[in-house]
Amino acid sequence: MKKKILFCALMGISVMAFAKTWSVRTSCGKTVSLTTADNVGIEDLKNYVRLTNYDVCGSYPSTVTIIL
């Protein structure tokens, strides 16, 4: 049991080590934080932002601008 808990803790730490947090302003003015893999592609990130905007505001944005 202890080995299983230790393994899960190590996996969680390793996943978070390769994560990137983005601050995103939605079309309805709310700011949310998104956590993605460190090597996420631009198109994948844009789709994630579109879906998040739909979840928060109820509509898909017409354009998504990514500023790195």
N, C-alpha and C. Protein backbone atom coordinates (compact mmCIF):
# COMPACT_ATOMS: atom_id res chain seq x y z
N MET A 1 0.82 -1.19 0.00
CA MET A 1 0.00 0.00 0.00
C MET A 1 0.87 1.26 0.00
N LYS A 2 1.92 1.25 0.80
CA LYS A 2 2.81 2.42 0.86
C LYS A 2 3.51 2.64 -0.47
N LYS A 3 3.87 1.54 -1.16
CA LYS A 3 4.53 1.67 -2.45
C LYS A 3 3.59 2.30 -3.47
N LYS A 4 2.32 1.93 -3.41
CA LYS A 4 1.33 2.47 -4.35
C LYS A 4 1.14 3.97 -4.14
N ILE A 5 1.05 4.39 -2.90
CA ILE A 5 0.89 5.81 -2.58
C ILE A 5 2.13 6.59 -3.01
N LEU A 6 3.31 6.04 -2.74
CA LEU A 6 4.55 6.69 -3.14
C LEU A 6 4.63 6.81 -4.66
N PHE A 7 4.26 5.75 -5.37
CA PHE A 7 4.28 5.78 -6.83
C PHE A 7 3.33 6.85 -7.37
N CYS A 8 2.13 6.93 -6.83
CA CYS A 8 1.16 7.94 -7.27
C CYS A 8 1.68 9.35 -6.99
N ALA A 9 2.30 9.54 -5.86
CA ALA A 9 2.84 10.86 -5.52
C ALA A 9 3.96 11.24 -6.49
N LEU A 10 4.84 10.30 -6.79
CA LEU A 10 5.93 10.58 -7.73
C LEU A 10 5.40 10.87 -9.13
N MET A 11 4.39 10.16 -9.55
CA MET A 11 3.79 10.41 -10.87
C MET A 11 3.17 11.80 -10.92
N GLY A 12 2.48 12.19 -9.87
CA GLY A 12 1.87 13.51 -9.81
C GLY A 12 2.92 14.61 -9.86
N ILE A 13 4.02 14.42 -9.16
CA ILE A 13 5.09 15.42 -9.17
C ILE A 13 5.73 15.50 -10.55
N SER A 14 5.96 14.36 -11.19
CA SER A 14 6.60 14.38 -12.51
C SER A 14 5.69 15.00 -13.56
N VAL A 15 4.39 14.78 -13.47
CA VAL A 15 3.46 15.39 -14.43
C VAL A 15 3.44 16.90 -14.25
N MET A 16 3.41 17.37 -13.02
CA MET A 16 3.38 18.80 -12.77
C MET A 16 4.71 19.47 -13.14
N ALA A 17 5.80 18.72 -13.16
CA ALA A 17 7.09 19.29 -13.53
C ALA A 17 7.12 19.69 -15.00
N PHE A 18 6.31 19.03 -15.82
CA PHE A 18 6.29 19.30 -17.25
C PHE A 18 5.01 20.03 -17.67
N ALA A 19 4.41 20.75 -16.76
CA ALA A 19 3.18 21.48 -17.05
C ALA A 19 3.46 22.97 -17.19
N LYS A 20 2.63 23.64 -17.97
CA LYS A 20 2.74 25.09 -18.16
C LYS A 20 1.38 25.69 -17.83
N THR A 21 1.38 26.79 -17.10
CA THR A 21 0.14 27.46 -16.74
C THR A 21 0.00 28.73 -17.56
N TRP A 22 -1.17 28.89 -18.15
CA TRP A 22 -1.48 30.05 -19.00
C TRP A 22 -2.58 30.87 -18.33
N SER A 23 -2.46 32.17 -18.37
CA SER A 23 -3.51 33.06 -17.91
C SER A 23 -4.27 33.54 -19.14
N VAL A 24 -5.58 33.28 -19.18
CA VAL A 24 -6.37 33.55 -20.37
C VAL A 24 -7.52 34.47 -20.01
N ARG A 25 -7.74 35.52 -20.81
CA ARG A 25 -8.88 36.40 -20.65
C ARG A 25 -9.94 35.97 -21.65
N THR A 26 -11.12 35.63 -21.17
CA THR A 26 -12.20 35.15 -22.03
C THR A 26 -12.92 36.32 -22.68
N SER A 27 -13.80 36.01 -23.63
CA SER A 27 -14.52 37.06 -24.35
C SER A 27 -15.54 37.78 -23.47
N CYS A 28 -15.92 37.16 -22.35
CA CYS A 28 -16.86 37.84 -21.46
C CYS A 28 -16.15 38.56 -20.31
N GLY A 29 -14.80 38.65 -20.40
CA GLY A 29 -14.05 39.46 -19.46
C GLY A 29 -13.49 38.72 -18.26
N LYS A 30 -13.75 37.44 -18.10
CA LYS A 30 -13.21 36.70 -16.96
C LYS A 30 -11.81 36.21 -17.28
N THR A 31 -10.97 36.12 -16.27
CA THR A 31 -9.62 35.59 -16.43
C THR A 31 -9.56 34.23 -15.77
N VAL A 32 -9.08 33.24 -16.51
CA VAL A 32 -8.96 31.87 -16.00
C VAL A 32 -7.52 31.39 -16.21
N SER A 33 -7.12 30.42 -15.42
CA SER A 33 -5.80 29.80 -15.57
C SER A 33 -5.98 28.42 -16.20
N LEU A 34 -5.19 28.15 -17.22
CA LEU A 34 -5.22 26.85 -17.89
C LEU A 34 -3.87 26.18 -17.68
N THR A 35 -3.89 24.89 -17.40
CA THR A 35 -2.66 24.12 -17.24
C THR A 35 -2.57 23.13 -18.38
N THR A 36 -1.47 23.18 -19.12
CA THR A 36 -1.27 22.28 -20.26
C THR A 36 0.09 21.62 -20.14
N ALA A 37 0.32 20.66 -21.03
CA ALA A 37 1.65 20.06 -21.12
C ALA A 37 2.63 21.11 -21.60
N ASP A 38 3.88 20.94 -21.26
CA ASP A 38 4.90 21.91 -21.63
C ASP A 38 5.12 21.96 -23.14
N ASN A 39 4.85 20.87 -23.83
CA ASN A 39 5.11 20.81 -25.27
C ASN A 39 3.83 20.87 -26.11
N VAL A 40 2.81 21.54 -25.61
CA VAL A 40 1.54 21.63 -26.34
C VAL A 40 1.72 22.47 -27.61
N GLY A 41 1.04 22.07 -28.68
CA GLY A 41 1.11 22.82 -29.93
C GLY A 41 0.20 24.05 -29.90
N ILE A 42 0.47 24.99 -30.77
CA ILE A 42 -0.31 26.24 -30.81
C ILE A 42 -1.77 25.96 -31.16
N GLU A 43 -2.03 25.11 -32.14
CA GLU A 43 -3.42 24.80 -32.52
C GLU A 43 -4.16 24.09 -31.40
N ASP A 44 -3.47 23.18 -30.68
CA ASP A 44 -4.08 22.51 -29.54
C ASP A 44 -4.42 23.51 -28.45
N LEU A 45 -3.52 24.46 -28.22
CA LEU A 45 -3.75 25.49 -27.21
C LEU A 45 -4.93 26.37 -27.60
N LYS A 46 -5.02 26.74 -28.88
CA LYS A 46 -6.15 27.55 -29.34
C LYS A 46 -7.47 26.81 -29.16
N ASN A 47 -7.49 25.52 -29.46
CA ASN A 47 -8.72 24.73 -29.26
C ASN A 47 -9.09 24.65 -27.78
N TYR A 48 -8.09 24.50 -26.92
CA TYR A 48 -8.32 24.46 -25.48
C TYR A 48 -8.91 25.79 -25.00
N VAL A 49 -8.40 26.89 -25.52
CA VAL A 49 -8.92 28.21 -25.15
C VAL A 49 -10.35 28.37 -25.66
N ARG A 50 -10.64 27.92 -26.88
CA ARG A 50 -12.01 28.00 -27.41
C ARG A 50 -12.99 27.23 -26.52
N LEU A 51 -12.61 26.01 -26.14
CA LEU A 51 -13.49 25.20 -25.29
C LEU A 51 -13.66 25.81 -23.90
N THR A 52 -12.59 26.36 -23.36
CA THR A 52 -12.69 27.02 -22.06
C THR A 52 -13.60 28.25 -22.13
N ASN A 53 -13.47 29.02 -23.21
CA ASN A 53 -14.33 30.19 -23.39
C ASN A 53 -15.79 29.75 -23.48
N TYR A 54 -16.05 28.64 -24.16
CA TYR A 54 -17.43 28.14 -24.25
C TYR A 54 -17.95 27.72 -22.87
N ASP A 55 -17.09 27.06 -22.08
CA ASP A 55 -17.50 26.64 -20.74
C ASP A 55 -17.79 27.82 -19.83
N VAL A 56 -16.99 28.88 -19.93
CA VAL A 56 -17.13 30.02 -19.03
C VAL A 56 -18.20 31.00 -19.52
N CYS A 57 -18.20 31.30 -20.83
CA CYS A 57 -19.06 32.37 -21.35
C CYS A 57 -20.28 31.85 -22.13
N GLY A 58 -20.23 30.61 -22.58
CA GLY A 58 -21.37 30.08 -23.33
C GLY A 58 -21.30 30.32 -24.83
N SER A 59 -20.15 30.80 -25.32
CA SER A 59 -20.02 31.03 -26.76
C SER A 59 -18.57 30.79 -27.17
N TYR A 60 -18.40 30.38 -28.44
CA TYR A 60 -17.06 30.21 -28.99
C TYR A 60 -16.56 31.53 -29.53
N PRO A 61 -15.30 31.88 -29.28
CA PRO A 61 -14.76 33.13 -29.82
C PRO A 61 -14.53 32.99 -31.32
N SER A 62 -14.66 34.09 -32.06
CA SER A 62 -14.41 34.04 -33.50
C SER A 62 -12.94 33.90 -33.82
N THR A 63 -12.08 34.50 -33.00
CA THR A 63 -10.63 34.35 -33.17
C THR A 63 -9.98 34.17 -31.81
N VAL A 64 -8.84 33.50 -31.82
CA VAL A 64 -8.03 33.33 -30.61
C VAL A 64 -6.63 33.82 -30.95
N THR A 65 -6.12 34.77 -30.15
CA THR A 65 -4.78 35.31 -30.36
C THR A 65 -3.89 34.82 -29.21
N ILE A 66 -2.80 34.19 -29.58
CA ILE A 66 -1.84 33.69 -28.61
C ILE A 66 -0.62 34.61 -28.64
N ILE A 67 -0.26 35.18 -27.48
CA ILE A 67 0.93 36.02 -27.36
C ILE A 67 1.90 35.28 -26.47
N LEU A 68 3.02 34.90 -27.05
CA LEU A 68 4.03 34.15 -26.27
C LEU A 68 5.05 35.07 -25.66
